[in-house]
Amino acid sequence: MSRLLATTGNLIDRIRINELTREIRDGRALWIKRRTAGARPIIHAANGFFRLVGNPVVVLGGVDEWRNWEIDCFHRLHGEAFAIFAHGTQDDLC
């Protein structure tokens, strides 16, 4: 049974709903985090599964909600040492 759980865990870890890329803009290095094109159905399926098994965990599906969460977590981790901002529209991200 533990082997099955380990295999399942490894498969789940391969699911990517976000992508992180490094870009140079105006001579400055930026890290850009975006939702992948296939993120929306994966998020709906994951949240449906969590509800089915009674797990209170949710994957944030709304882009604004997700971006605000990411920015808040970044500030908590790094304080004001780095600048962070949201750019683009929901259509750019999903």
N, C-alpha and C. Protein backbone atom coordinates (compact mmCIF):
# COMPACT_ATOMS: atom_id res chain seq x y z
N MET A 1 0.82 -1.20 0.00
CA MET A 1 0.00 0.00 0.00
C MET A 1 0.86 1.25 0.00
N SER A 2 1.96 1.25 0.76
CA SER A 2 2.81 2.44 0.80
C SER A 2 3.46 2.71 -0.55
N ARG A 3 3.73 1.63 -1.30
CA ARG A 3 4.30 1.80 -2.64
C ARG A 3 3.29 2.48 -3.57
N LEU A 4 2.02 2.09 -3.46
CA LEU A 4 0.97 2.71 -4.25
C LEU A 4 0.84 4.20 -3.92
N LEU A 5 0.86 4.51 -2.63
CA LEU A 5 0.77 5.91 -2.21
C LEU A 5 1.97 6.71 -2.70
N ALA A 6 3.17 6.12 -2.63
CA ALA A 6 4.37 6.81 -3.10
C ALA A 6 4.29 7.06 -4.60
N THR A 7 3.85 6.07 -5.36
CA THR A 7 3.70 6.22 -6.81
C THR A 7 2.67 7.29 -7.13
N THR A 8 1.55 7.25 -6.45
CA THR A 8 0.50 8.25 -6.65
C THR A 8 1.02 9.65 -6.33
N GLY A 9 1.76 9.76 -5.23
CA GLY A 9 2.34 11.04 -4.86
C GLY A 9 3.30 11.57 -5.91
N ASN A 10 4.11 10.68 -6.47
CA ASN A 10 5.04 11.08 -7.53
C ASN A 10 4.30 11.57 -8.77
N LEU A 11 3.22 10.90 -9.12
CA LEU A 11 2.42 11.33 -10.27
C LEU A 11 1.77 12.68 -10.03
N ILE A 12 1.25 12.87 -8.83
CA ILE A 12 0.63 14.16 -8.49
C ILE A 12 1.65 15.28 -8.54
N ASP A 13 2.87 15.02 -8.09
CA ASP A 13 3.92 16.04 -8.12
C ASP A 13 4.26 16.48 -9.53
N ARG A 14 3.96 15.67 -10.52
CA ARG A 14 4.26 16.02 -11.91
C ARG A 14 3.22 16.94 -12.54
N ILE A 15 2.08 17.09 -11.89
CA ILE A 15 1.04 17.97 -12.40
C ILE A 15 1.47 19.41 -12.15
N ARG A 16 1.51 20.17 -13.21
CA ARG A 16 1.95 21.57 -13.10
C ARG A 16 0.81 22.50 -13.49
N ILE A 17 0.39 23.33 -12.55
CA ILE A 17 -0.63 24.32 -12.88
C ILE A 17 -0.03 25.71 -12.99
N ASN A 18 1.22 25.86 -12.57
CA ASN A 18 1.92 27.13 -12.69
C ASN A 18 3.23 26.93 -13.42
N GLU A 19 3.70 27.99 -14.07
CA GLU A 19 5.02 27.95 -14.68
C GLU A 19 5.79 29.18 -14.22
N LEU A 20 7.06 29.01 -14.02
CA LEU A 20 7.93 30.08 -13.55
C LEU A 20 9.04 30.27 -14.58
N THR A 21 9.16 31.50 -15.08
CA THR A 21 10.20 31.81 -16.06
C THR A 21 10.95 33.05 -15.63
N ARG A 22 12.21 33.10 -16.04
CA ARG A 22 13.04 34.27 -15.75
C ARG A 22 13.15 35.08 -17.03
N GLU A 23 12.88 36.37 -16.93
CA GLU A 23 12.95 37.26 -18.08
C GLU A 23 13.78 38.49 -17.72
N ILE A 24 14.37 39.07 -18.74
CA ILE A 24 15.10 40.33 -18.58
C ILE A 24 14.26 41.41 -19.25
N ARG A 25 13.88 42.40 -18.49
CA ARG A 25 13.11 43.53 -19.03
C ARG A 25 13.79 44.82 -18.59
N ASP A 26 14.07 45.66 -19.56
CA ASP A 26 14.75 46.93 -19.29
C ASP A 26 16.01 46.72 -18.47
N GLY A 27 16.73 45.65 -18.76
CA GLY A 27 17.99 45.36 -18.09
C GLY A 27 17.85 44.78 -16.69
N ARG A 28 16.64 44.49 -16.26
CA ARG A 28 16.41 43.94 -14.92
C ARG A 28 15.87 42.52 -15.03
N ALA A 29 16.37 41.68 -14.15
CA ALA A 29 15.89 40.29 -14.12
C ALA A 29 14.57 40.22 -13.36
N LEU A 30 13.61 39.53 -13.95
CA LEU A 30 12.31 39.32 -13.33
C LEU A 30 11.96 37.84 -13.35
N TRP A 31 11.28 37.39 -12.32
CA TRP A 31 10.71 36.05 -12.33
C TRP A 31 9.22 36.22 -12.59
N ILE A 32 8.73 35.52 -13.58
CA ILE A 32 7.33 35.62 -13.98
C ILE A 32 6.65 34.29 -13.65
N LYS A 33 5.57 34.36 -12.86
CA LYS A 33 4.80 33.16 -12.52
C LYS A 33 3.43 33.26 -13.17
N ARG A 34 3.08 32.25 -13.94
CA ARG A 34 1.81 32.22 -14.66
C ARG A 34 1.13 30.88 -14.46
N ARG A 35 -0.19 30.89 -14.60
CA ARG A 35 -0.93 29.64 -14.64
C ARG A 35 -0.74 29.04 -16.02
N THR A 36 -0.63 27.72 -16.09
CA THR A 36 -0.49 27.04 -17.38
C THR A 36 -1.84 27.02 -18.09
N ALA A 37 -1.79 26.74 -19.39
CA ALA A 37 -3.01 26.72 -20.20
C ALA A 37 -4.01 25.67 -19.70
N GLY A 38 -3.54 24.55 -19.20
CA GLY A 38 -4.43 23.48 -18.73
C GLY A 38 -4.75 23.54 -17.26
N ALA A 39 -4.45 24.63 -16.59
CA ALA A 39 -4.64 24.70 -15.15
C ALA A 39 -6.10 24.65 -14.72
N ARG A 40 -6.95 25.31 -15.45
CA ARG A 40 -8.36 25.44 -15.02
C ARG A 40 -9.04 24.08 -14.81
N PRO A 41 -9.01 23.15 -15.79
CA PRO A 41 -9.68 21.86 -15.55
C PRO A 41 -9.01 21.05 -14.43
N ILE A 42 -7.71 21.17 -14.29
CA ILE A 42 -7.01 20.46 -13.22
C ILE A 42 -7.46 20.98 -11.86
N ILE A 43 -7.57 22.29 -11.74
CA ILE A 43 -8.01 22.91 -10.48
C ILE A 43 -9.44 22.47 -10.15
N HIS A 44 -10.33 22.49 -11.13
CA HIS A 44 -11.72 22.06 -10.89
C HIS A 44 -11.77 20.60 -10.45
N ALA A 45 -10.99 19.75 -11.11
CA ALA A 45 -10.96 18.33 -10.73
C ALA A 45 -10.40 18.14 -9.33
N ALA A 46 -9.33 18.84 -9.02
CA ALA A 46 -8.73 18.71 -7.68
C ALA A 46 -9.69 19.18 -6.60
N ASN A 47 -10.32 20.32 -6.81
CA ASN A 47 -11.26 20.82 -5.81
C ASN A 47 -12.47 19.91 -5.67
N GLY A 48 -12.94 19.33 -6.78
CA GLY A 48 -14.04 18.36 -6.72
C GLY A 48 -13.65 17.13 -5.91
N PHE A 49 -12.43 16.65 -6.13
CA PHE A 49 -11.94 15.51 -5.37
C PHE A 49 -11.84 15.85 -3.89
N PHE A 50 -11.29 17.02 -3.57
CA PHE A 50 -11.16 17.42 -2.17
C PHE A 50 -12.53 17.47 -1.49
N ARG A 51 -13.53 18.03 -2.17
CA ARG A 51 -14.88 18.08 -1.60
C ARG A 51 -15.43 16.67 -1.40
N LEU A 52 -15.21 15.80 -2.39
CA LEU A 52 -15.71 14.42 -2.33
C LEU A 52 -15.18 13.67 -1.11
N VAL A 53 -13.91 13.85 -0.79
CA VAL A 53 -13.31 13.12 0.32
C VAL A 53 -13.36 13.89 1.64
N GLY A 54 -14.01 15.07 1.62
CA GLY A 54 -14.17 15.84 2.84
C GLY A 54 -12.91 16.56 3.30
N ASN A 55 -12.01 16.84 2.39
CA ASN A 55 -10.77 17.55 2.72
C ASN A 55 -11.02 19.05 2.62
N PRO A 56 -10.68 19.82 3.65
CA PRO A 56 -10.95 21.26 3.61
C PRO A 56 -9.97 22.06 2.73
N VAL A 57 -8.97 21.40 2.16
CA VAL A 57 -8.00 22.08 1.30
C VAL A 57 -8.67 22.45 -0.02
N VAL A 58 -8.32 23.63 -0.56
CA VAL A 58 -8.78 24.02 -1.88
C VAL A 58 -7.61 24.61 -2.66
N VAL A 59 -7.67 24.44 -3.97
CA VAL A 59 -6.73 25.10 -4.87
C VAL A 59 -7.42 26.36 -5.32
N LEU A 60 -6.76 27.50 -5.14
CA LEU A 60 -7.37 28.76 -5.53
C LEU A 60 -7.52 28.82 -7.04
N GLY A 61 -8.75 28.93 -7.50
CA GLY A 61 -9.03 28.89 -8.92
C GLY A 61 -9.15 30.25 -9.57
N GLY A 62 -9.70 31.21 -8.84
CA GLY A 62 -9.84 32.55 -9.40
C GLY A 62 -8.48 33.23 -9.51
N VAL A 63 -8.20 33.82 -10.66
CA VAL A 63 -6.88 34.41 -10.88
C VAL A 63 -6.59 35.52 -9.89
N ASP A 64 -7.56 36.41 -9.65
CA ASP A 64 -7.31 37.50 -8.70
C ASP A 64 -7.04 36.96 -7.31
N GLU A 65 -7.83 35.99 -6.90
CA GLU A 65 -7.66 35.37 -5.58
C GLU A 65 -6.28 34.71 -5.49
N TRP A 66 -5.90 33.99 -6.55
CA TRP A 66 -4.60 33.32 -6.58
C TRP A 66 -3.47 34.34 -6.56
N ARG A 67 -3.55 35.38 -7.40
CA ARG A 67 -2.48 36.39 -7.43
C ARG A 67 -2.33 37.08 -6.08
N ASN A 68 -3.44 37.45 -5.46
CA ASN A 68 -3.38 38.11 -4.15
C ASN A 68 -2.72 37.21 -3.12
N TRP A 69 -3.05 35.91 -3.14
CA TRP A 69 -2.44 34.94 -2.23
C TRP A 69 -0.93 34.87 -2.47
N GLU A 70 -0.52 34.78 -3.73
CA GLU A 70 0.90 34.70 -4.07
C GLU A 70 1.66 35.95 -3.61
N ILE A 71 1.09 37.11 -3.85
CA ILE A 71 1.74 38.36 -3.45
C ILE A 71 1.84 38.45 -1.94
N ASP A 72 0.77 38.09 -1.23
CA ASP A 72 0.80 38.12 0.23
C ASP A 72 1.86 37.17 0.78
N CYS A 73 1.94 35.95 0.23
CA CYS A 73 2.95 34.99 0.69
C CYS A 73 4.36 35.50 0.40
N PHE A 74 4.56 36.11 -0.75
CA PHE A 74 5.87 36.65 -1.11
C PHE A 74 6.30 37.73 -0.11
N HIS A 75 5.37 38.63 0.22
CA HIS A 75 5.69 39.68 1.20
C HIS A 75 5.99 39.10 2.57
N ARG A 76 5.26 38.07 2.97
CA ARG A 76 5.52 37.44 4.26
C ARG A 76 6.91 36.81 4.31
N LEU A 77 7.33 36.22 3.18
CA LEU A 77 8.63 35.57 3.13
C LEU A 77 9.78 36.55 3.00
N HIS A 78 9.60 37.59 2.20
CA HIS A 78 10.71 38.46 1.84
C HIS A 78 10.60 39.89 2.37
N GLY A 79 9.49 40.24 2.97
CA GLY A 79 9.32 41.61 3.43
C GLY A 79 9.36 42.57 2.26
N GLU A 80 10.00 43.69 2.44
CA GLU A 80 10.08 44.70 1.39
C GLU A 80 11.40 44.63 0.63
N ALA A 81 12.14 43.54 0.78
CA ALA A 81 13.46 43.42 0.14
C ALA A 81 13.36 43.37 -1.39
N PHE A 82 12.24 42.88 -1.91
CA PHE A 82 12.05 42.77 -3.35
C PHE A 82 10.70 43.35 -3.73
N ALA A 83 10.62 43.84 -4.96
CA ALA A 83 9.35 44.35 -5.47
C ALA A 83 8.58 43.20 -6.10
N ILE A 84 7.27 43.23 -5.94
CA ILE A 84 6.40 42.24 -6.57
C ILE A 84 5.14 42.96 -7.03
N PHE A 85 4.64 42.55 -8.18
CA PHE A 85 3.42 43.17 -8.69
C PHE A 85 2.71 42.21 -9.62
N ALA A 86 1.42 42.43 -9.77
CA ALA A 86 0.61 41.66 -10.71
C ALA A 86 0.57 42.43 -12.02
N HIS A 87 0.66 41.70 -13.12
CA HIS A 87 0.64 42.33 -14.43
C HIS A 87 -0.19 41.47 -15.37
N GLY A 88 -0.95 42.11 -16.22
CA GLY A 88 -1.73 41.37 -17.19
C GLY A 88 -3.16 41.18 -16.73
N THR A 89 -3.90 40.48 -17.56
CA THR A 89 -5.31 40.23 -17.28
C THR A 89 -5.51 38.75 -17.01
N GLN A 90 -6.70 38.42 -16.59
CA GLN A 90 -7.03 37.02 -16.32
C GLN A 90 -6.83 36.19 -17.58
N ASP A 91 -7.16 36.73 -18.74
CA ASP A 91 -6.99 35.99 -19.99
C ASP A 91 -5.51 35.67 -20.27
N ASP A 92 -4.61 36.51 -19.78
CA ASP A 92 -3.17 36.26 -19.94
C ASP A 92 -2.73 35.09 -19.07
N LEU A 93 -3.45 34.81 -17.99
CA LEU A 93 -2.96 33.86 -16.99
C LEU A 93 -3.62 32.50 -17.07
N CYS A 94 -4.76 32.38 -17.66
CA CYS A 94 -5.44 31.07 -17.72
C CYS A 94 -5.86 30.75 -19.12
